[in-house]
Amino acid sequence: MSTGGATEEGMDPGVPARPIATLVLVDDDESTLAMLSAYLRRHGYHVIGATNPVRALELVQAQPVDLLITDWMMPHVDGITLAEQVHRLPGREALPVILITAFGTEEVVDESMRRGVAMTLPKPLDLGRLLTLVGFATAPAPPAH
């Protein structure tokens, strides 16, 4: 079995043919959503995008998801509140959430962690750091001893 290049047409060499994990990515800025989705797909992730938290909540309810990545400041519902709503869904209580924010103050980070966000990333985004955190958040749990 090969673990090297992808076999599906149009995929970058070195990217697994099967997605590493399924992510729901939500950002009300469509250009940011498109750029981050493309970046994560190039690295082997199956990305489902949403431009609003209501749609993101529907997506998380409708299918298996390994990670939610959300912007903080969005109309109607902010990303921290979305994380709380997702964690109230049956079977989604432990879904990891990464919050992206232009306001990465210590207070925002503290509040987000208290309310169920696993990690917070400041804007402008360091894409390498995002990829590292996504990998960490979606890695299989080590076997119990």
C-alpha atoms as a PDB file:
ATOM      1  CA  MET A   1       0.000   0.000   0.000  1.00  0.00           C
ATOM      2  CA  SER A   2       1.391   3.370  -0.996  1.00  0.00           C
ATOM      3  CA  THR A   3       1.383   6.304   1.378  1.00  0.00           C
ATOM      4  CA  GLY A   4       3.099   8.597  -1.097  1.00  0.00           C
ATOM      5  CA  GLY A   5       1.436  10.612  -3.841  1.00  0.00           C
ATOM      6  CA  ALA A   6      -2.258  10.929  -4.470  1.00  0.00           C
ATOM      7  CA  THR A   7      -3.925   8.928  -7.187  1.00  0.00           C
ATOM      8  CA  GLU A   8      -6.966  11.083  -7.765  1.00  0.00           C
ATOM      9  CA  GLU A   9      -6.796  13.423 -10.728  1.00  0.00           C
ATOM     10  CA  GLY A  10      -6.210  17.054  -9.823  1.00  0.00           C
ATOM     11  CA  MET A  11      -4.739  16.438  -6.382  1.00  0.00           C
ATOM     12  CA  ASP A  12      -1.282  17.645  -5.488  1.00  0.00           C
ATOM     13  CA  PRO A  13       1.505  15.052  -5.322  1.00  0.00           C
ATOM     14  CA  GLY A  14       2.181  13.945  -1.773  1.00  0.00           C
ATOM     15  CA  VAL A  15      -1.417  14.531  -0.661  1.00  0.00           C
ATOM     16  CA  PRO A  16      -3.261  11.393   0.470  1.00  0.00           C
ATOM     17  CA  ALA A  17      -6.005  10.242  -1.938  1.00  0.00           C
ATOM     18  CA  ARG A  18      -8.399  10.011   1.008  1.00  0.00           C
ATOM     19  CA  PRO A  19      -8.972  13.037   3.224  1.00  0.00           C
ATOM     20  CA  ILE A  20      -7.119  13.038   6.524  1.00  0.00           C
ATOM     21  CA  ALA A  21     -10.159  14.436   8.326  1.00  0.00           C
ATOM     22  CA  THR A  22     -13.404  16.323   7.709  1.00  0.00           C
ATOM     23  CA  LEU A  23     -13.434  19.970   8.764  1.00  0.00           C
ATOM     24  CA  VAL A  24     -16.232  22.514   8.873  1.00  0.00           C
ATOM     25  CA  LEU A  25     -14.795  25.964   8.245  1.00  0.00           C
ATOM     26  CA  VAL A  26     -16.960  29.029   8.876  1.00  0.00           C
ATOM     27  CA  ASP A  27     -16.116  32.624   8.016  1.00  0.00           C
ATOM     28  CA  ASP A  28     -18.439  35.374   6.850  1.00  0.00           C
ATOM     29  CA  ASP A  29     -15.643  36.723   4.612  1.00  0.00           C
ATOM     30  CA  GLU A  30     -16.005  34.630   1.454  1.00  0.00           C
ATOM     31  CA  SER A  31     -12.473  35.322   0.210  1.00  0.00           C
ATOM     32  CA  THR A  32     -10.964  34.159   3.511  1.00  0.00           C
ATOM     33  CA  LEU A  33     -13.206  31.107   3.458  1.00  0.00           C
ATOM     34  CA  ALA A  34     -12.135  30.249  -0.101  1.00  0.00           C
ATOM     35  CA  MET A  35      -8.423  30.772   0.596  1.00  0.00           C
ATOM     36  CA  LEU A  36      -8.370  28.718   3.809  1.00  0.00           C
ATOM     37  CA  SER A  37     -10.512  25.973   2.265  1.00  0.00           C
ATOM     38  CA  ALA A  38      -8.166  25.658  -0.708  1.00  0.00           C
ATOM     39  CA  TYR A  39      -5.099  25.635   1.544  1.00  0.00           C
ATOM     40  CA  LEU A  40      -6.451  22.901   3.813  1.00  0.00           C
ATOM     41  CA  ARG A  41      -7.666  20.825   0.852  1.00  0.00           C
ATOM     42  CA  ARG A  42      -4.191  20.982  -0.677  1.00  0.00           C
ATOM     43  CA  HIS A  43      -2.955  19.407   2.540  1.00  0.00           C
ATOM     44  CA  GLY A  44      -5.397  16.516   2.317  1.00  0.00           C
ATOM     45  CA  TYR A  45      -8.344  17.671   4.408  1.00  0.00           C
ATOM     46  CA  HIS A  46     -11.987  17.443   3.378  1.00  0.00           C
ATOM     47  CA  VAL A  47     -13.258  20.977   3.984  1.00  0.00           C
ATOM     48  CA  ILE A  48     -16.917  21.950   4.102  1.00  0.00           C
ATOM     49  CA  GLY A  49     -17.325  25.716   4.095  1.00  0.00           C
ATOM     50  CA  ALA A  50     -20.056  27.893   5.528  1.00  0.00           C
ATOM     51  CA  THR A  51     -20.423  31.671   5.410  1.00  0.00           C
ATOM     52  CA  ASN A  52     -22.571  31.861   8.533  1.00  0.00           C
ATOM     53  CA  PRO A  53     -22.857  30.091  11.882  1.00  0.00           C
ATOM     54  CA  VAL A  54     -26.413  28.853  11.255  1.00  0.00           C
ATOM     55  CA  ARG A  55     -25.265  26.920   8.175  1.00  0.00           C
ATOM     56  CA  ALA A  56     -22.186  25.654  10.051  1.00  0.00           C
ATOM     57  CA  LEU A  57     -24.416  24.279  12.823  1.00  0.00           C
ATOM     58  CA  GLU A  58     -26.554  22.482  10.217  1.00  0.00           C
ATOM     59  CA  LEU A  59     -23.438  20.966   8.625  1.00  0.00           C
ATOM     60  CA  VAL A  60     -22.075  19.738  11.956  1.00  0.00           C
ATOM     61  CA  GLN A  61     -25.450  18.134  12.741  1.00  0.00           C
ATOM     62  CA  ALA A  62     -25.805  16.473   9.339  1.00  0.00           C
ATOM     63  CA  GLN A  63     -22.569  14.473   9.068  1.00  0.00           C
ATOM     64  CA  PRO A  64     -19.497  13.219  10.875  1.00  0.00           C
ATOM     65  CA  VAL A  65     -17.051  16.082  11.423  1.00  0.00           C
ATOM     66  CA  ASP A  66     -13.603  15.944  13.017  1.00  0.00           C
ATOM     67  CA  LEU A  67     -12.994  19.667  13.615  1.00  0.00           C
ATOM     68  CA  LEU A  68     -14.749  23.025  13.507  1.00  0.00           C
ATOM     69  CA  ILE A  69     -12.719  26.096  12.546  1.00  0.00           C
ATOM     70  CA  THR A  70     -14.588  29.352  12.999  1.00  0.00           C
ATOM     71  CA  ASP A  71     -14.060  33.067  12.810  1.00  0.00           C
ATOM     72  CA  TRP A  72     -14.941  34.908  16.000  1.00  0.00           C
ATOM     73  CA  MET A  73     -16.677  38.061  14.774  1.00  0.00           C
ATOM     74  CA  MET A  74     -19.629  37.220  12.515  1.00  0.00           C
ATOM     75  CA  PRO A  75     -23.142  38.594  12.144  1.00  0.00           C
ATOM     76  CA  HIS A  76     -25.842  37.184  14.437  1.00  0.00           C
ATOM     77  CA  VAL A  77     -23.730  34.573  16.275  1.00  0.00           C
ATOM     78  CA  ASP A  78     -20.055  34.832  17.170  1.00  0.00           C
ATOM     79  CA  GLY A  79     -17.655  31.900  16.909  1.00  0.00           C
ATOM     80  CA  ILE A  80     -17.479  31.310  20.657  1.00  0.00           C
ATOM     81  CA  THR A  81     -21.271  31.052  20.900  1.00  0.00           C
ATOM     82  CA  LEU A  82     -21.230  28.728  17.880  1.00  0.00           C
ATOM     83  CA  ALA A  83     -18.762  26.472  19.724  1.00  0.00           C
ATOM     84  CA  GLU A  84     -21.145  26.328  22.697  1.00  0.00           C
ATOM     85  CA  GLN A  85     -24.095  25.502  20.421  1.00  0.00           C
ATOM     86  CA  VAL A  86     -22.141  22.733  18.699  1.00  0.00           C
ATOM     87  CA  HIS A  87     -21.080  21.231  22.032  1.00  0.00           C
ATOM     88  CA  ARG A  88     -24.741  21.010  23.102  1.00  0.00           C
ATOM     89  CA  LEU A  89     -25.480  18.699  20.146  1.00  0.00           C
ATOM     90  CA  PRO A  90     -25.653  14.969  20.943  1.00  0.00           C
ATOM     91  CA  GLY A  91     -22.375  13.315  20.000  1.00  0.00           C
ATOM     92  CA  ARG A  92     -20.615  16.635  19.432  1.00  0.00           C
ATOM     93  CA  GLU A  93     -19.790  17.491  23.046  1.00  0.00           C
ATOM     94  CA  ALA A  94     -16.055  16.926  22.494  1.00  0.00           C
ATOM     95  CA  LEU A  95     -15.710  18.241  18.925  1.00  0.00           C
ATOM     96  CA  PRO A  96     -12.511  20.310  18.819  1.00  0.00           C
ATOM     97  CA  VAL A  97     -12.940  23.952  17.842  1.00  0.00           C
ATOM     98  CA  ILE A  98     -10.298  26.354  16.572  1.00  0.00           C
ATOM     99  CA  LEU A  99     -11.236  30.038  16.813  1.00  0.00           C
ATOM    100  CA  ILE A 100      -9.701  32.556  14.408  1.00  0.00           C
ATOM    101  CA  THR A 101      -9.766  36.183  15.500  1.00  0.00           C
ATOM    102  CA  ALA A 102      -8.325  39.574  14.731  1.00  0.00           C
ATOM    103  CA  PHE A 103      -8.852  40.400  18.418  1.00  0.00           C
ATOM    104  CA  GLY A 104      -6.620  37.783  20.038  1.00  0.00           C
ATOM    105  CA  THR A 105      -6.336  39.477  23.390  1.00  0.00           C
ATOM    106  CA  GLU A 106      -5.696  37.452  26.516  1.00  0.00           C
ATOM    107  CA  GLU A 107      -9.298  38.099  27.596  1.00  0.00           C
ATOM    108  CA  VAL A 108     -10.692  36.674  24.330  1.00  0.00           C
ATOM    109  CA  VAL A 109      -8.450  33.614  24.565  1.00  0.00           C
ATOM    110  CA  ASP A 110      -9.461  33.029  28.210  1.00  0.00           C
ATOM    111  CA  GLU A 111     -13.177  33.463  27.484  1.00  0.00           C
ATOM    112  CA  SER A 112     -13.048  31.211  24.440  1.00  0.00           C
ATOM    113  CA  MET A 113     -11.310  28.430  26.387  1.00  0.00           C
ATOM    114  CA  ARG A 114     -13.806  28.699  29.249  1.00  0.00           C
ATOM    115  CA  ARG A 115     -16.623  28.365  26.718  1.00  0.00           C
ATOM    116  CA  GLY A 116     -15.299  25.306  24.875  1.00  0.00           C
ATOM    117  CA  VAL A 117     -12.814  26.488  22.260  1.00  0.00           C
ATOM    118  CA  ALA A 118      -9.717  24.284  22.162  1.00  0.00           C
ATOM    119  CA  MET A 119      -7.372  26.724  20.418  1.00  0.00           C
ATOM    120  CA  THR A 120      -7.345  30.353  19.315  1.00  0.00           C
ATOM    121  CA  LEU A 121      -5.331  31.712  16.398  1.00  0.00           C
ATOM    122  CA  PRO A 122      -4.742  35.418  15.808  1.00  0.00           C
ATOM    123  CA  LYS A 123      -5.126  37.152  12.467  1.00  0.00           C
ATOM    124  CA  PRO A 124      -3.237  37.636  10.288  1.00  0.00           C
ATOM    125  CA  LEU A 125      -3.030  33.874  10.172  1.00  0.00           C
ATOM    126  CA  ASP A 126       0.200  31.944  10.217  1.00  0.00           C
ATOM    127  CA  LEU A 127      -0.858  29.171   7.822  1.00  0.00           C
ATOM    128  CA  GLY A 128       1.884  26.830   9.014  1.00  0.00           C
ATOM    129  CA  ARG A 129       0.665  27.175  12.587  1.00  0.00           C
ATOM    130  CA  LEU A 130      -2.927  26.632  11.463  1.00  0.00           C
ATOM    131  CA  LEU A 131      -1.892  23.433   9.689  1.00  0.00           C
ATOM    132  CA  THR A 132      -0.030  22.242  12.788  1.00  0.00           C
ATOM    133  CA  LEU A 133      -3.035  22.888  15.034  1.00  0.00           C
ATOM    134  CA  VAL A 134      -5.422  21.217  12.594  1.00  0.00           C
ATOM    135  CA  GLY A 135      -3.136  18.180  12.513  1.00  0.00           C
ATOM    136  CA  PHE A 136      -2.948  18.122  16.292  1.00  0.00           C
ATOM    137  CA  ALA A 137      -6.723  18.506  16.706  1.00  0.00           C
ATOM    138  CA  THR A 138      -7.564  15.747  14.206  1.00  0.00           C
ATOM    139  CA  ALA A 139      -4.839  13.227  15.092  1.00  0.00           C
ATOM    140  CA  PRO A 140      -6.094   9.858  16.272  1.00  0.00           C
ATOM    141  CA  ALA A 141      -5.912   9.352  20.002  1.00  0.00           C
ATOM    142  CA  PRO A 142      -2.999   7.185  21.124  1.00  0.00           C
ATOM    143  CA  PRO A 143      -3.944   3.696  22.260  1.00  0.00           C
ATOM    144  CA  ALA A 144      -4.762   3.344  25.946  1.00  0.00           C
ATOM    145  CA  HIS A 145      -2.249   1.424  28.039  1.00  0.00           C
END
